């Protein structure tokens, strides 16, 4: 049978007359003397701290925002000379003055809590404001994202093994496709022709635009005129052969283009804010070492 819980005695219900004085323990290390000021009404208003009662009775009302406190810290020392009106800040100051060990422990707890709050705030700020502006290496073929943010785009190209710097990073885009030192639009045309074989000019529009979009490069405007200029530039250097067929031209990469292609990297730098889009939903984040491991 479950034992009945013994009800704690409610001293507020004791039939003590008004003016009775008793001591109530606030906690293990503190007690306060109370005086009964009324016999009816809410329980919280029947008893009052003796120090406050004495002040109200002999010196008048307590101003708002102040409290009657024991100046020496002994809450049972109810000598009227030990009473004083203090603000909450004064009470805290006196408590720290009287108990240096408690003060040191409180300061240590505040510092630890502040440090934890600062770390959490910094982590949130890093995710919301810092990481979206950084560049990440992305391997579209393997659907991998290197979890190594860089401040500049050329730093990602350098991580991929290219001789990149802040001055030549634009040319590194062509080098990432295998044709360093070549205009980017020409390198895009050669890349598409190497993968698709002979292609008409009108059929180059979408693959080149898609290649630039996937690699995070700005679209070339107007693209059709740019493709004609690139094809002309490549024909003069013997990288592309063109034939007139019907109402257009058929372009194909020459053997010189294949032999002139150097080792390329499949990794491209993408902004962190772009990686949160649905196009990268199935990509997996890995370390840079795992991403570079073929």
Protein backbone atom coordinates (compact mmCIF):
# COMPACT_ATOMS: atom_id res chain seq x y z
CA UNK A 1 0.00 0.00 0.00
CA UNK A 2 1.34 3.38 -0.95
CA UNK A 3 2.26 5.44 2.07
CA UNK A 4 0.40 8.69 2.49
CA UNK A 5 2.52 11.75 2.05
CA UNK A 6 2.71 13.78 5.20
CA UNK A 7 1.55 17.32 4.60
CA UNK A 8 4.00 19.99 5.55
CA UNK A 9 2.73 22.23 8.32
CA UNK A 10 1.57 25.59 7.00
CA UNK A 11 2.68 28.07 9.62
CA UNK A 12 0.60 30.81 7.98
CA UNK A 13 -2.51 29.05 9.33
CA UNK A 14 -1.33 29.00 12.91
CA UNK A 15 -3.80 30.89 15.11
CA UNK A 16 -1.19 33.39 16.25
CA UNK A 17 -2.30 36.88 17.17
CA UNK A 18 -1.32 39.95 15.19
CA UNK A 19 2.08 41.17 16.35
CA UNK A 20 3.55 37.68 16.78
CA UNK A 21 7.19 37.37 15.77
CA UNK A 22 8.86 34.24 14.45
CA UNK A 23 11.97 33.28 12.45
CA UNK A 24 11.69 31.72 9.02
CA UNK A 25 14.58 29.98 7.30
CA UNK A 26 14.92 31.32 3.73
CA UNK A 27 17.61 28.75 2.85
CA UNK A 28 20.31 26.71 4.56
CA UNK A 29 22.46 29.76 5.24
CA UNK A 30 19.92 32.51 5.77
CA UNK A 31 17.01 33.22 8.13
CA UNK A 32 14.76 36.24 8.57
CA UNK A 33 12.57 37.51 11.40
CA UNK A 34 8.90 38.03 10.46
CA UNK A 35 6.03 39.77 12.23
CA UNK A 36 2.33 39.06 11.75
CA UNK A 37 0.53 42.21 10.61
CA UNK A 38 -3.00 40.90 9.85
CA UNK A 39 -5.13 37.85 10.49
CA UNK A 40 -7.13 37.75 7.28
CA UNK A 41 -6.59 38.23 3.59
CA UNK A 42 -4.00 36.49 1.38
CA UNK A 43 -1.38 34.48 3.18
CA UNK A 44 1.43 36.41 1.50
CA UNK A 45 0.18 39.63 3.11
CA UNK A 46 -0.34 38.34 6.67
CA UNK A 47 3.37 38.35 7.54
CA UNK A 48 6.00 41.00 6.84
CA UNK A 49 9.73 41.17 7.33
CA UNK A 50 10.38 42.69 10.71
CA UNK A 51 12.92 45.16 9.33
CA UNK A 52 10.46 46.51 6.76
CA UNK A 53 7.65 46.68 9.33
CA UNK A 54 9.85 48.66 11.72
CA UNK A 55 10.88 51.09 8.98
CA UNK A 56 7.31 51.66 7.80
CA UNK A 57 6.10 52.11 11.37
CA UNK A 58 8.81 54.46 12.60
CA UNK A 59 10.18 56.20 9.49
CA UNK A 60 7.48 56.07 6.84
CA UNK A 61 6.82 54.27 3.55
CA UNK A 62 9.63 52.58 1.62
CA UNK A 63 10.27 54.44 -1.68
CA UNK A 64 9.66 52.43 -4.87
CA UNK A 65 12.76 50.61 -6.09
CA UNK A 66 14.36 50.43 -2.63
CA UNK A 67 14.31 47.81 0.08
CA UNK A 68 15.08 47.70 3.81
CA UNK A 69 18.28 45.72 4.29
CA UNK A 70 20.61 44.68 7.12
CA UNK A 71 23.80 46.65 6.59
CA UNK A 72 26.12 44.10 8.25
CA UNK A 73 24.66 41.16 6.30
CA UNK A 74 23.20 39.46 9.39
CA UNK A 75 19.48 39.14 8.66
CA UNK A 76 18.76 38.38 12.35
CA UNK A 77 20.45 41.54 13.63
CA UNK A 78 17.34 43.72 13.92
CA UNK A 79 18.96 46.62 15.68
CA UNK A 80 17.42 49.75 14.06
CA UNK A 81 20.91 51.17 13.49
CA UNK A 82 21.59 48.14 11.26
CA UNK A 83 18.76 49.06 8.87
CA UNK A 84 19.25 50.95 5.63
CA UNK A 85 17.42 51.68 2.39
CA UNK A 86 19.34 50.11 -0.49
CA UNK A 87 18.76 49.56 -4.16
CA UNK A 88 19.10 46.05 -5.64
CA UNK A 89 22.50 47.04 -7.04
CA UNK A 90 23.66 48.16 -3.57
CA UNK A 91 22.57 44.81 -2.14
CA UNK A 92 24.60 42.92 -4.72
CA UNK A 93 27.62 45.17 -4.12
CA UNK A 94 27.51 44.59 -0.35
CA UNK A 95 27.12 40.84 -0.87
CA UNK A 96 30.25 40.76 -3.01
CA UNK A 97 32.13 42.90 -0.53
CA UNK A 98 31.24 40.64 2.39
CA UNK A 99 31.88 37.31 0.64
CA UNK A 100 34.93 37.38 -1.71
CA UNK A 101 34.73 33.62 -2.33
CA UNK A 102 31.13 33.88 -3.49
CA UNK A 103 32.02 36.89 -5.59
CA UNK A 104 34.86 35.04 -7.32
CA UNK A 105 32.60 32.03 -7.99
CA UNK A 106 29.90 34.28 -9.47
CA UNK A 107 32.38 36.06 -11.69
CA UNK A 108 33.77 32.72 -12.91
CA UNK A 109 30.25 31.47 -13.68
CA UNK A 110 29.44 34.71 -15.55
CA UNK A 111 32.63 34.49 -17.59
CA UNK A 112 31.97 30.86 -18.48
CA UNK A 113 28.38 31.63 -19.51
CA UNK A 114 29.50 34.65 -21.54
CA UNK A 115 32.17 32.59 -23.30
CA UNK A 116 29.62 29.89 -24.16
CA UNK A 117 27.19 32.51 -25.45
CA UNK A 118 29.90 34.12 -27.57
CA UNK A 119 30.84 30.76 -29.08
CA UNK A 120 27.23 30.02 -29.96
CA UNK A 121 26.73 33.50 -31.40
CA UNK A 122 29.90 33.19 -33.46
CA UNK A 123 28.80 29.80 -34.78
CA UNK A 124 25.43 31.19 -35.84
CA UNK A 125 27.02 34.25 -37.43
CA UNK A 126 29.51 32.02 -39.25
CA UNK A 127 26.70 29.94 -40.76
CA UNK A 128 24.47 32.89 -41.66
CA UNK A 129 26.93 35.56 -42.82
CA UNK A 130 30.42 34.09 -43.25
CA UNK A 131 30.07 30.74 -44.99
CA UNK A 132 27.56 31.84 -47.69
CA UNK A 133 30.15 34.30 -49.06
CA UNK A 134 33.00 31.76 -49.26
CA UNK A 135 34.01 29.54 -52.16
CA UNK A 136 33.87 25.73 -52.10
CA UNK A 137 35.40 23.21 -54.54
CA UNK A 138 32.68 21.16 -56.23
CA UNK A 139 33.00 17.97 -58.27
CA UNK A 140 29.86 17.72 -60.40
CA UNK A 141 30.76 14.30 -61.81
CA UNK A 142 30.95 12.67 -58.38
CA UNK A 143 28.43 15.06 -56.79
CA UNK A 144 30.83 16.04 -54.02
CA UNK A 145 31.48 19.32 -52.23
CA UNK A 146 34.79 19.96 -50.52
CA UNK A 147 34.09 21.21 -47.02
CA UNK A 148 36.97 23.67 -47.13
CA UNK A 149 35.72 27.26 -47.56
CA UNK A 150 38.08 29.79 -49.10
CA UNK A 151 37.80 33.54 -49.14
CA UNK A 152 38.91 33.98 -52.76
CA UNK A 153 38.05 31.93 -55.83
CA UNK A 154 41.66 31.59 -56.92
CA UNK A 155 42.46 29.85 -53.62
CA UNK A 156 40.15 27.00 -54.64
CA UNK A 157 41.98 26.69 -57.97
CA UNK A 158 45.26 26.58 -56.04
CA UNK A 159 43.91 23.78 -53.83
CA UNK A 160 43.08 21.87 -57.02
CA UNK A 161 46.73 21.96 -58.09
CA UNK A 162 46.66 24.91 -60.50
CA UNK A 163 49.25 27.67 -60.43
CA UNK A 164 46.71 30.26 -59.33
CA UNK A 165 47.11 33.67 -57.77
CA UNK A 166 45.06 36.81 -57.27
CA UNK A 167 46.38 38.16 -60.60
CA UNK A 168 45.77 35.22 -62.94
CA UNK A 169 42.68 33.54 -61.49
CA UNK A 170 40.61 34.45 -64.57
CA UNK A 171 42.95 32.41 -66.76
CA UNK A 172 42.67 29.54 -64.29
CA UNK A 173 39.11 29.01 -65.47
CA UNK A 174 40.42 28.01 -68.89
CA UNK A 175 43.18 25.95 -67.24
CA UNK A 176 40.56 24.03 -65.26
CA UNK A 177 39.10 22.89 -68.60
CA UNK A 178 42.54 21.87 -69.90
CA UNK A 179 43.47 24.87 -72.08
CA UNK A 180 45.46 27.40 -70.02
CA UNK A 181 46.04 30.86 -71.47
CA UNK A 182 42.99 30.65 -73.73
CA UNK A 183 39.93 32.93 -73.59
CA UNK A 184 37.25 31.29 -71.51
CA UNK A 185 34.61 31.23 -74.26
CA UNK A 186 37.08 29.44 -76.55
CA UNK A 187 37.97 26.92 -73.84
CA UNK A 188 34.25 26.26 -73.31
CA UNK A 189 33.75 25.63 -77.03
CA UNK A 190 36.69 23.20 -77.16
CA UNK A 191 35.45 21.42 -74.03
CA UNK A 192 31.98 20.89 -75.53
CA UNK A 193 33.40 19.79 -78.92
CA UNK A 194 35.75 17.32 -77.20
CA UNK A 195 32.83 15.72 -75.40
CA UNK A 196 30.12 15.87 -78.11
CA UNK A 197 32.15 15.61 -81.32
CA UNK A 198 31.19 17.63 -84.44
CA UNK A 199 28.44 20.09 -83.51
CA UNK A 200 26.54 22.85 -85.29
CA UNK A 201 26.81 26.40 -84.04
CA UNK A 202 23.18 26.51 -82.92
CA UNK A 203 23.67 23.26 -81.01
CA UNK A 204 26.61 24.75 -79.09
CA UNK A 205 24.47 27.38 -77.43
CA UNK A 206 22.85 25.27 -74.74
CA UNK A 207 25.89 23.09 -73.79
CA UNK A 208 28.18 26.12 -73.46
CA UNK A 209 25.59 28.03 -71.43
CA UNK A 210 25.05 25.00 -69.19
CA UNK A 211 28.80 24.54 -68.73
CA UNK A 212 29.21 28.14 -67.63
CA UNK A 213 26.26 27.89 -65.28
CA UNK A 214 27.44 24.67 -63.66
CA UNK A 215 30.91 26.11 -63.10
CA UNK A 216 29.59 29.28 -61.54
CA UNK A 217 30.72 31.56 -64.38
CA UNK A 218 28.68 34.47 -65.62
CA UNK A 219 26.65 33.92 -68.81
CA UNK A 220 28.23 35.24 -71.99
CA UNK A 221 26.09 37.85 -73.73
CA UNK A 222 25.34 37.69 -76.61
CA UNK A 223 26.29 34.01 -76.62
CA UNK A 224 25.62 33.25 -80.29
CA UNK A 225 27.88 36.08 -81.47
CA UNK A 226 30.49 35.00 -78.93
CA UNK A 227 30.46 31.44 -80.29
CA UNK A 228 31.05 32.67 -83.83
CA UNK A 229 33.96 34.82 -82.64
CA UNK A 230 35.39 31.92 -80.64
CA UNK A 231 35.09 29.53 -83.60
CA UNK A 232 36.87 32.03 -85.83
CA UNK A 233 39.64 32.51 -83.25
CA UNK A 234 40.09 28.73 -82.87
CA UNK A 235 40.11 28.10 -86.66
CA UNK A 236 42.93 30.60 -87.15
CA UNK A 237 45.05 28.68 -84.61
CA UNK A 238 44.21 25.26 -85.96
CA UNK A 239 42.23 24.07 -82.96
CA UNK A 240 38.86 23.76 -84.75
CA UNK A 241 37.75 22.75 -88.23
CA UNK A 242 34.48 24.14 -89.63
CA UNK A 243 32.31 23.11 -92.58
CA UNK A 244 29.40 24.93 -94.12
CA UNK A 245 26.35 22.66 -94.04
CA UNK A 246 22.97 23.96 -95.07
CA UNK A 247 22.23 27.17 -93.23
CA UNK A 248 25.00 26.84 -90.65
CA UNK A 249 28.45 25.55 -89.78
CA UNK A 250 29.59 22.23 -88.37
CA UNK A 251 32.52 22.54 -85.95
CA UNK A 252 34.87 19.82 -84.77
CA UNK A 253 37.97 19.85 -82.56
CA UNK A 254 41.20 18.97 -84.37
CA UNK A 255 43.86 16.53 -83.23
CA UNK A 256 45.98 19.56 -82.28
CA UNK A 257 43.36 20.53 -79.74
CA UNK A 258 43.44 17.05 -78.23
CA UNK A 259 47.25 17.00 -78.05
CA UNK A 260 47.38 20.55 -76.72
CA UNK A 261 45.04 19.82 -73.86
CA UNK A 262 46.78 19.57 -70.49
CA UNK A 263 45.63 17.80 -67.36
CA UNK A 264 42.45 19.47 -66.19
CA UNK A 265 40.61 19.42 -62.90
CA UNK A 266 36.95 18.52 -62.53
CA UNK A 267 36.67 20.81 -59.50
CA UNK A 268 35.12 24.24 -59.82
CA UNK A 269 34.64 26.94 -57.15
CA UNK A 270 31.03 27.67 -56.21
CA UNK A 271 29.72 30.26 -53.77
CA UNK A 272 28.38 28.90 -50.50
CA UNK A 273 25.02 30.64 -50.91
CA UNK A 274 24.52 28.88 -54.27
CA UNK A 275 25.14 25.46 -52.72
CA UNK A 276 21.95 25.75 -50.68
CA UNK A 277 19.81 25.63 -53.83
CA UNK A 278 17.86 22.58 -55.03
CA UNK A 279 20.44 21.90 -57.76
CA UNK A 280 22.88 20.69 -55.09
CA UNK A 281 20.40 18.77 -52.96
CA UNK A 282 21.98 15.37 -53.68
CA UNK A 283 25.60 16.50 -53.24
CA UNK A 284 27.64 15.19 -50.32
CA UNK A 285 30.13 17.24 -48.31
CA UNK A 286 33.54 15.65 -47.81
CA UNK A 287 36.96 16.79 -46.68
CA UNK A 288 39.31 18.39 -49.18
CA UNK A 289 41.67 15.41 -48.97
CA UNK A 290 38.88 12.99 -49.89
CA UNK A 291 37.73 15.27 -52.70
CA UNK A 292 41.21 15.41 -54.27
CA UNK A 293 41.64 11.64 -53.92
CA UNK A 294 40.82 10.10 -57.30
